[in-house]
Amino acid sequence: MFAFLRRIWQAAPVATVILGGALAVSLFFAVRLVAFWIYWADPAHRDQAIEPWMTPGYVAHSWGIPREVAFEALDLPPAPGGPRTMRELADERGVTVELLAQDLQAAIDAFRAAQGDARP
């Protein structure tokens, strides 16, 4: 193995560095993919009760609805600075997290009813 690495390094050092970098990036994303797959395959992460720490995108993924449905229910335009939690959104609007959660849950229920989904 080391003889092979030494040989390709001597033949093309720049290409060897690029290959090593590409393999490292590929490994990172492969591990990330498997971690997300394991996390979301767990039934405990589906249809979770809406909590203050959750982002609207997380809620949408957990409940199996398009992100746009969650964003429209909360009247959220795309905002710079990354995702915001339900608590941050409630604080910005001066309402409770429970009120936002009710609005979001109503949108989830309406979407599922329109899709013919019988889940609770």
C-alpha atoms as a PDB file:
ATOM      1  CA  MET A   1       0.000   0.000   0.000  1.00  0.00           C
ATOM      2  CA  PHE A   2       2.714   2.470   0.985  1.00  0.00           C
ATOM      3  CA  ALA A   3       4.729   1.548  -2.098  1.00  0.00           C
ATOM      4  CA  PHE A   4       1.709   2.387  -4.256  1.00  0.00           C
ATOM      5  CA  LEU A   5       1.237   5.749  -2.531  1.00  0.00           C
ATOM      6  CA  ARG A   6       4.919   6.543  -2.892  1.00  0.00           C
ATOM      7  CA  ARG A   7       4.810   5.630  -6.573  1.00  0.00           C
ATOM      8  CA  ILE A   8       1.787   7.817  -7.390  1.00  0.00           C
ATOM      9  CA  TRP A   9       3.246  10.675  -5.306  1.00  0.00           C
ATOM     10  CA  GLN A  10       6.474  10.530  -7.283  1.00  0.00           C
ATOM     11  CA  ALA A  11       4.608  10.313 -10.595  1.00  0.00           C
ATOM     12  CA  ALA A  12       2.122  13.133  -9.961  1.00  0.00           C
ATOM     13  CA  PRO A  13       2.237  14.924  -6.593  1.00  0.00           C
ATOM     14  CA  VAL A  14      -0.400  17.543  -7.444  1.00  0.00           C
ATOM     15  CA  ALA A  15      -2.833  14.942  -8.762  1.00  0.00           C
ATOM     16  CA  THR A  16      -2.199  12.820  -5.652  1.00  0.00           C
ATOM     17  CA  VAL A  17      -3.090  15.752  -3.376  1.00  0.00           C
ATOM     18  CA  ILE A  18      -6.230  16.451  -5.404  1.00  0.00           C
ATOM     19  CA  LEU A  19      -7.191  12.774  -5.276  1.00  0.00           C
ATOM     20  CA  GLY A  20      -6.631  12.672  -1.507  1.00  0.00           C
ATOM     21  CA  GLY A  21      -8.732  15.797  -1.018  1.00  0.00           C
ATOM     22  CA  ALA A  22     -11.531  14.445  -3.192  1.00  0.00           C
ATOM     23  CA  LEU A  23     -11.519  11.167  -1.265  1.00  0.00           C
ATOM     24  CA  ALA A  24     -11.638  13.019   2.069  1.00  0.00           C
ATOM     25  CA  VAL A  25     -14.576  15.181   0.955  1.00  0.00           C
ATOM     26  CA  SER A  26     -16.387  12.116  -0.426  1.00  0.00           C
ATOM     27  CA  LEU A  27     -15.853  10.250   2.842  1.00  0.00           C
ATOM     28  CA  PHE A  28     -17.177  13.220   4.836  1.00  0.00           C
ATOM     29  CA  PHE A  29     -20.389  13.399   2.802  1.00  0.00           C
ATOM     30  CA  ALA A  30     -20.827   9.618   2.844  1.00  0.00           C
ATOM     31  CA  VAL A  31     -20.607   9.590   6.660  1.00  0.00           C
ATOM     32  CA  ARG A  32     -22.996  12.542   6.842  1.00  0.00           C
ATOM     33  CA  LEU A  33     -25.469  10.794   4.529  1.00  0.00           C
ATOM     34  CA  VAL A  34     -25.435   7.632   6.635  1.00  0.00           C
ATOM     35  CA  ALA A  35     -25.822   9.610   9.871  1.00  0.00           C
ATOM     36  CA  PHE A  36     -28.861  11.501   8.526  1.00  0.00           C
ATOM     37  CA  TRP A  37     -30.339   8.315   7.124  1.00  0.00           C
ATOM     38  CA  ILE A  38     -30.014   6.543  10.484  1.00  0.00           C
ATOM     39  CA  TYR A  39     -31.452   9.549  12.348  1.00  0.00           C
ATOM     40  CA  TRP A  40     -34.515   9.970  10.125  1.00  0.00           C
ATOM     41  CA  ALA A  41     -35.116   6.205   9.790  1.00  0.00           C
ATOM     42  CA  ASP A  42     -35.866   6.078  13.524  1.00  0.00           C
ATOM     43  CA  PRO A  43     -39.664   6.181  13.989  1.00  0.00           C
ATOM     44  CA  ALA A  44     -39.193   8.314  17.119  1.00  0.00           C
ATOM     45  CA  HIS A  45     -38.183  11.234  14.871  1.00  0.00           C
ATOM     46  CA  ARG A  46     -41.353  11.136  12.796  1.00  0.00           C
ATOM     47  CA  ASP A  47     -44.358  13.301  13.684  1.00  0.00           C
ATOM     48  CA  GLN A  48     -42.601  14.756  16.717  1.00  0.00           C
ATOM     49  CA  ALA A  49     -44.490  17.226  18.866  1.00  0.00           C
ATOM     50  CA  ILE A  50     -43.487  20.753  17.889  1.00  0.00           C
ATOM     51  CA  GLU A  51     -40.954  22.079  20.395  1.00  0.00           C
ATOM     52  CA  PRO A  52     -39.364  25.540  20.801  1.00  0.00           C
ATOM     53  CA  TRP A  53     -35.899  24.295  19.713  1.00  0.00           C
ATOM     54  CA  MET A  54     -37.132  23.027  16.339  1.00  0.00           C
ATOM     55  CA  THR A  55     -36.806  24.968  13.123  1.00  0.00           C
ATOM     56  CA  PRO A  56     -39.689  25.068  10.639  1.00  0.00           C
ATOM     57  CA  GLY A  57     -37.593  22.976   8.253  1.00  0.00           C
ATOM     58  CA  TYR A  58     -37.036  20.318  10.907  1.00  0.00           C
ATOM     59  CA  VAL A  59     -40.766  20.208  11.653  1.00  0.00           C
ATOM     60  CA  ALA A  60     -41.527  19.886   7.934  1.00  0.00           C
ATOM     61  CA  HIS A  61     -39.086  16.992   7.587  1.00  0.00           C
ATOM     62  CA  SER A  62     -40.357  15.255  10.713  1.00  0.00           C
ATOM     63  CA  TRP A  63     -43.991  15.530   9.618  1.00  0.00           C
ATOM     64  CA  GLY A  64     -43.276  14.658   5.981  1.00  0.00           C
ATOM     65  CA  ILE A  65     -44.571  17.858   4.432  1.00  0.00           C
ATOM     66  CA  PRO A  66     -42.888  20.220   1.959  1.00  0.00           C
ATOM     67  CA  ARG A  67     -40.884  22.999   3.609  1.00  0.00           C
ATOM     68  CA  GLU A  68     -42.931  25.551   1.700  1.00  0.00           C
ATOM     69  CA  VAL A  69     -46.074  24.463   3.559  1.00  0.00           C
ATOM     70  CA  ALA A  70     -44.396  25.144   6.910  1.00  0.00           C
ATOM     71  CA  PHE A  71     -42.950  28.469   5.726  1.00  0.00           C
ATOM     72  CA  GLU A  72     -46.296  29.636   4.341  1.00  0.00           C
ATOM     73  CA  ALA A  73     -48.084  28.649   7.560  1.00  0.00           C
ATOM     74  CA  LEU A  74     -45.671  30.796   9.542  1.00  0.00           C
ATOM     75  CA  ASP A  75     -45.585  33.546   6.895  1.00  0.00           C
ATOM     76  CA  LEU A  76     -41.807  33.227   6.569  1.00  0.00           C
ATOM     77  CA  PRO A  77     -39.907  34.772   3.697  1.00  0.00           C
ATOM     78  CA  PRO A  78     -36.450  33.379   3.001  1.00  0.00           C
ATOM     79  CA  ALA A  79     -34.241  35.082   5.565  1.00  0.00           C
ATOM     80  CA  PRO A  80     -30.483  35.524   5.570  1.00  0.00           C
ATOM     81  CA  GLY A  81     -28.489  34.253   8.502  1.00  0.00           C
ATOM     82  CA  GLY A  82     -29.633  30.654   8.572  1.00  0.00           C
ATOM     83  CA  PRO A  83     -32.537  28.823  10.114  1.00  0.00           C
ATOM     84  CA  ARG A  84     -34.385  30.217  13.105  1.00  0.00           C
ATOM     85  CA  THR A  85     -36.008  28.192  15.861  1.00  0.00           C
ATOM     86  CA  MET A  86     -39.668  28.351  16.751  1.00  0.00           C
ATOM     87  CA  ARG A  87     -38.719  30.233  19.935  1.00  0.00           C
ATOM     88  CA  GLU A  88     -36.775  32.855  17.959  1.00  0.00           C
ATOM     89  CA  LEU A  89     -39.683  33.300  15.547  1.00  0.00           C
ATOM     90  CA  ALA A  90     -42.149  33.638  18.439  1.00  0.00           C
ATOM     91  CA  ASP A  91     -39.929  36.192  20.197  1.00  0.00           C
ATOM     92  CA  GLU A  92     -39.594  38.228  16.978  1.00  0.00           C
ATOM     93  CA  ARG A  93     -43.377  38.343  16.593  1.00  0.00           C
ATOM     94  CA  GLY A  94     -44.218  38.807  20.254  1.00  0.00           C
ATOM     95  CA  VAL A  95     -46.368  35.671  20.437  1.00  0.00           C
ATOM     96  CA  THR A  96     -46.022  32.342  22.208  1.00  0.00           C
ATOM     97  CA  VAL A  97     -44.393  29.278  20.720  1.00  0.00           C
ATOM     98  CA  GLU A  98     -47.656  27.427  21.322  1.00  0.00           C
ATOM     99  CA  LEU A  99     -49.526  29.839  19.031  1.00  0.00           C
ATOM    100  CA  LEU A 100     -46.987  29.318  16.242  1.00  0.00           C
ATOM    101  CA  ALA A 101     -47.116  25.571  16.830  1.00  0.00           C
ATOM    102  CA  GLN A 102     -50.913  25.628  16.523  1.00  0.00           C
ATOM    103  CA  ASP A 103     -50.695  27.507  13.223  1.00  0.00           C
ATOM    104  CA  LEU A 104     -48.095  25.066  11.935  1.00  0.00           C
ATOM    105  CA  GLN A 105     -50.058  22.028  13.132  1.00  0.00           C
ATOM    106  CA  ALA A 106     -53.188  23.346  11.398  1.00  0.00           C
ATOM    107  CA  ALA A 107     -51.222  23.683   8.149  1.00  0.00           C
ATOM    108  CA  ILE A 108     -49.829  20.163   8.559  1.00  0.00           C
ATOM    109  CA  ASP A 109     -53.310  18.762   9.148  1.00  0.00           C
ATOM    110  CA  ALA A 110     -54.723  20.655   6.166  1.00  0.00           C
ATOM    111  CA  PHE A 111     -51.908  19.463   3.902  1.00  0.00           C
ATOM    112  CA  ARG A 112     -52.342  15.868   4.991  1.00  0.00           C
ATOM    113  CA  ALA A 113     -56.112  16.049   4.570  1.00  0.00           C
ATOM    114  CA  ALA A 114     -55.642  17.404   1.056  1.00  0.00           C
ATOM    115  CA  GLN A 115     -53.207  14.567   0.302  1.00  0.00           C
ATOM    116  CA  GLY A 116     -55.525  11.929   1.758  1.00  0.00           C
ATOM    117  CA  ASP A 117     -53.046  10.983   4.486  1.00  0.00           C
ATOM    118  CA  ALA A 118     -54.826   9.296   7.398  1.00  0.00           C
ATOM    119  CA  ARG A 119     -52.013   9.628   9.933  1.00  0.00           C
ATOM    120  CA  PRO A 120     -52.933  11.390  13.198  1.00  0.00           C
END
